[in-house]
Amino acid sequence: MKLIASNLVVIFWASIFGEIIGYIANQLEVLPYTPMQIGITAAIVGFCATNGIYLISKGSFSK
């Protein structure tokens, strides 16, 4: 349950930060702003990065 809750928190904050960064980039580059696409992409990238780092470093923890 702890793993599910931590992944939900990562997805939530990644989508929030993705929306903020996407909005700022949109204002700087004059590109079309699609909030849903930016939020989903940021959530997927954050989810994959967090779990990838966890899986890579899991073996280095002493038990």
N, C-alpha and C. Protein backbone atom coordinates (compact mmCIF):
# COMPACT_ATOMS: atom_id res chain seq x y z
N MET A 1 0.82 -1.19 0.00
CA MET A 1 0.00 0.00 0.00
C MET A 1 0.87 1.26 0.00
N LYS A 2 2.01 1.17 0.68
CA LYS A 2 2.90 2.33 0.73
C LYS A 2 3.44 2.66 -0.65
N LEU A 3 3.72 1.64 -1.45
CA LEU A 3 4.23 1.85 -2.81
C LEU A 3 3.18 2.52 -3.69
N ILE A 4 1.94 2.12 -3.55
CA ILE A 4 0.86 2.72 -4.34
C ILE A 4 0.67 4.18 -3.95
N ALA A 5 0.66 4.45 -2.67
CA ALA A 5 0.47 5.83 -2.20
C ALA A 5 1.62 6.72 -2.66
N SER A 6 2.83 6.23 -2.58
CA SER A 6 3.97 7.05 -3.01
C SER A 6 3.94 7.30 -4.52
N ASN A 7 3.49 6.32 -5.30
CA ASN A 7 3.38 6.53 -6.75
C ASN A 7 2.28 7.53 -7.09
N LEU A 8 1.18 7.51 -6.34
CA LEU A 8 0.11 8.48 -6.57
C LEU A 8 0.58 9.90 -6.26
N VAL A 9 1.38 10.05 -5.22
CA VAL A 9 1.93 11.36 -4.88
C VAL A 9 2.87 11.85 -5.97
N VAL A 10 3.69 10.96 -6.49
CA VAL A 10 4.61 11.32 -7.58
C VAL A 10 3.84 11.75 -8.82
N ILE A 11 2.80 11.01 -9.16
CA ILE A 11 1.99 11.36 -10.33
C ILE A 11 1.33 12.72 -10.14
N PHE A 12 0.80 12.96 -8.96
CA PHE A 12 0.13 14.23 -8.67
C PHE A 12 1.09 15.41 -8.81
N TRP A 13 2.23 15.35 -8.14
CA TRP A 13 3.16 16.48 -8.17
C TRP A 13 3.85 16.63 -9.52
N ALA A 14 4.09 15.52 -10.21
CA ALA A 14 4.70 15.62 -11.53
C ALA A 14 3.75 16.31 -12.50
N SER A 15 2.47 16.01 -12.40
CA SER A 15 1.52 16.68 -13.30
C SER A 15 1.39 18.16 -12.96
N ILE A 16 1.42 18.51 -11.67
CA ILE A 16 1.34 19.93 -11.28
C ILE A 16 2.57 20.69 -11.79
N PHE A 17 3.76 20.16 -11.53
CA PHE A 17 4.97 20.83 -11.99
C PHE A 17 5.06 20.84 -13.51
N GLY A 18 4.58 19.79 -14.17
CA GLY A 18 4.57 19.75 -15.62
C GLY A 18 3.68 20.83 -16.21
N GLU A 19 2.52 21.05 -15.58
CA GLU A 19 1.62 22.11 -16.04
C GLU A 19 2.27 23.49 -15.89
N ILE A 20 2.93 23.70 -14.77
CA ILE A 20 3.59 25.00 -14.54
C ILE A 20 4.72 25.21 -15.54
N ILE A 21 5.57 24.22 -15.72
CA ILE A 21 6.69 24.34 -16.65
C ILE A 21 6.18 24.45 -18.08
N GLY A 22 5.11 23.70 -18.40
CA GLY A 22 4.53 23.78 -19.74
C GLY A 22 3.94 25.14 -20.03
N TYR A 23 3.30 25.74 -19.04
CA TYR A 23 2.73 27.07 -19.24
C TYR A 23 3.83 28.11 -19.46
N ILE A 24 4.89 28.04 -18.66
CA ILE A 24 6.00 28.98 -18.82
C ILE A 24 6.67 28.80 -20.17
N ALA A 25 6.89 27.55 -20.57
CA ALA A 25 7.50 27.29 -21.87
C ALA A 25 6.61 27.76 -23.00
N ASN A 26 5.30 27.63 -22.83
CA ASN A 26 4.37 28.10 -23.85
C ASN A 26 4.47 29.60 -24.01
N GLN A 27 4.57 30.33 -22.93
CA GLN A 27 4.67 31.78 -23.02
C GLN A 27 5.99 32.23 -23.64
N LEU A 28 7.04 31.47 -23.42
CA LEU A 28 8.35 31.83 -23.98
C LEU A 28 8.49 31.46 -25.45
N GLU A 29 7.88 30.35 -25.86
CA GLU A 29 8.08 29.84 -27.22
C GLU A 29 6.91 30.09 -28.16
N VAL A 30 5.81 30.58 -27.69
CA VAL A 30 4.60 30.85 -28.47
C VAL A 30 4.17 29.58 -29.20
N LEU A 31 3.99 28.52 -28.46
CA LEU A 31 3.49 27.25 -28.97
C LEU A 31 2.08 27.02 -28.43
N PRO A 32 1.32 26.14 -29.06
CA PRO A 32 -0.01 25.86 -28.53
C PRO A 32 0.08 25.15 -27.18
N TYR A 33 -0.77 25.57 -26.27
CA TYR A 33 -0.77 25.04 -24.90
C TYR A 33 -1.90 24.03 -24.75
N THR A 34 -1.56 22.77 -24.56
CA THR A 34 -2.55 21.72 -24.34
C THR A 34 -2.34 21.15 -22.94
N PRO A 35 -3.11 21.61 -21.97
CA PRO A 35 -2.86 21.24 -20.58
C PRO A 35 -2.96 19.74 -20.29
N MET A 36 -3.95 19.05 -20.86
CA MET A 36 -4.11 17.63 -20.56
C MET A 36 -2.93 16.82 -21.08
N GLN A 37 -2.47 17.14 -22.28
CA GLN A 37 -1.35 16.41 -22.87
C GLN A 37 -0.07 16.65 -22.07
N ILE A 38 0.15 17.87 -21.65
CA ILE A 38 1.35 18.20 -20.87
C ILE A 38 1.30 17.52 -19.51
N GLY A 39 0.14 17.53 -18.86
CA GLY A 39 0.00 16.90 -17.54
C GLY A 39 0.21 15.41 -17.59
N ILE A 40 -0.37 14.75 -18.60
CA ILE A 40 -0.22 13.30 -18.72
C ILE A 40 1.23 12.93 -19.02
N THR A 41 1.86 13.68 -19.92
CA THR A 41 3.26 13.40 -20.26
C THR A 41 4.17 13.59 -19.05
N ALA A 42 3.96 14.65 -18.30
CA ALA A 42 4.78 14.89 -17.10
C ALA A 42 4.55 13.80 -16.06
N ALA A 43 3.31 13.35 -15.90
CA ALA A 43 3.01 12.29 -14.93
C ALA A 43 3.69 10.98 -15.32
N ILE A 44 3.66 10.64 -16.60
CA ILE A 44 4.30 9.40 -17.06
C ILE A 44 5.80 9.47 -16.90
N VAL A 45 6.40 10.60 -17.25
CA VAL A 45 7.85 10.75 -17.11
C VAL A 45 8.26 10.69 -15.64
N GLY A 46 7.52 11.38 -14.78
CA GLY A 46 7.82 11.34 -13.35
C GLY A 46 7.67 9.96 -12.76
N PHE A 47 6.63 9.25 -13.15
CA PHE A 47 6.39 7.88 -12.67
C PHE A 47 7.51 6.95 -13.10
N CYS A 48 7.88 7.01 -14.38
CA CYS A 48 8.96 6.14 -14.89
C CYS A 48 10.31 6.48 -14.26
N ALA A 49 10.59 7.76 -14.10
CA ALA A 49 11.88 8.16 -13.52
C ALA A 49 11.98 7.73 -12.07
N THR A 50 10.93 7.93 -11.30
CA THR A 50 10.97 7.57 -9.88
C THR A 50 11.12 6.07 -9.70
N ASN A 51 10.33 5.30 -10.42
CA ASN A 51 10.41 3.85 -10.27
C ASN A 51 11.69 3.29 -10.88
N GLY A 52 12.19 3.91 -11.95
CA GLY A 52 13.45 3.47 -12.53
C GLY A 52 14.62 3.69 -11.59
N ILE A 53 14.66 4.84 -10.96
CA ILE A 53 15.73 5.13 -9.99
C ILE A 53 15.63 4.18 -8.80
N TYR A 54 14.41 3.91 -8.36
CA TYR A 54 14.22 2.97 -7.24
C TYR A 54 14.70 1.57 -7.61
N LEU A 55 14.35 1.10 -8.80
CA LEU A 55 14.75 -0.26 -9.20
C LEU A 55 16.26 -0.37 -9.43
N ILE A 56 16.86 0.68 -9.95
CA ILE A 56 18.31 0.65 -10.18
C ILE A 56 19.07 0.65 -8.87
N SER A 57 18.62 1.43 -7.90
CA SER A 57 19.35 1.56 -6.65
C SER A 57 18.89 0.59 -5.57
N LYS A 58 17.91 -0.25 -5.85
CA LYS A 58 17.39 -1.17 -4.85
C LYS A 58 18.45 -2.15 -4.35
N GLY A 59 19.33 -2.58 -5.21
CA GLY A 59 20.36 -3.54 -4.84
C GLY A 59 21.47 -2.94 -3.99
N SER A 60 21.59 -1.64 -3.94
CA SER A 60 22.69 -1.02 -3.20
C SER A 60 22.36 -0.82 -1.71
N PHE A 61 21.09 -1.00 -1.34
CA PHE A 61 20.73 -0.86 0.06
C PHE A 61 21.14 -2.11 0.85
N SER A 62 21.79 -1.92 1.98
CA SER A 62 22.20 -3.07 2.79
C SER A 62 21.00 -3.52 3.63
N LYS A 63 20.88 -4.82 3.76
CA LYS A 63 19.73 -5.39 4.49
C LYS A 63 20.17 -6.05 5.76
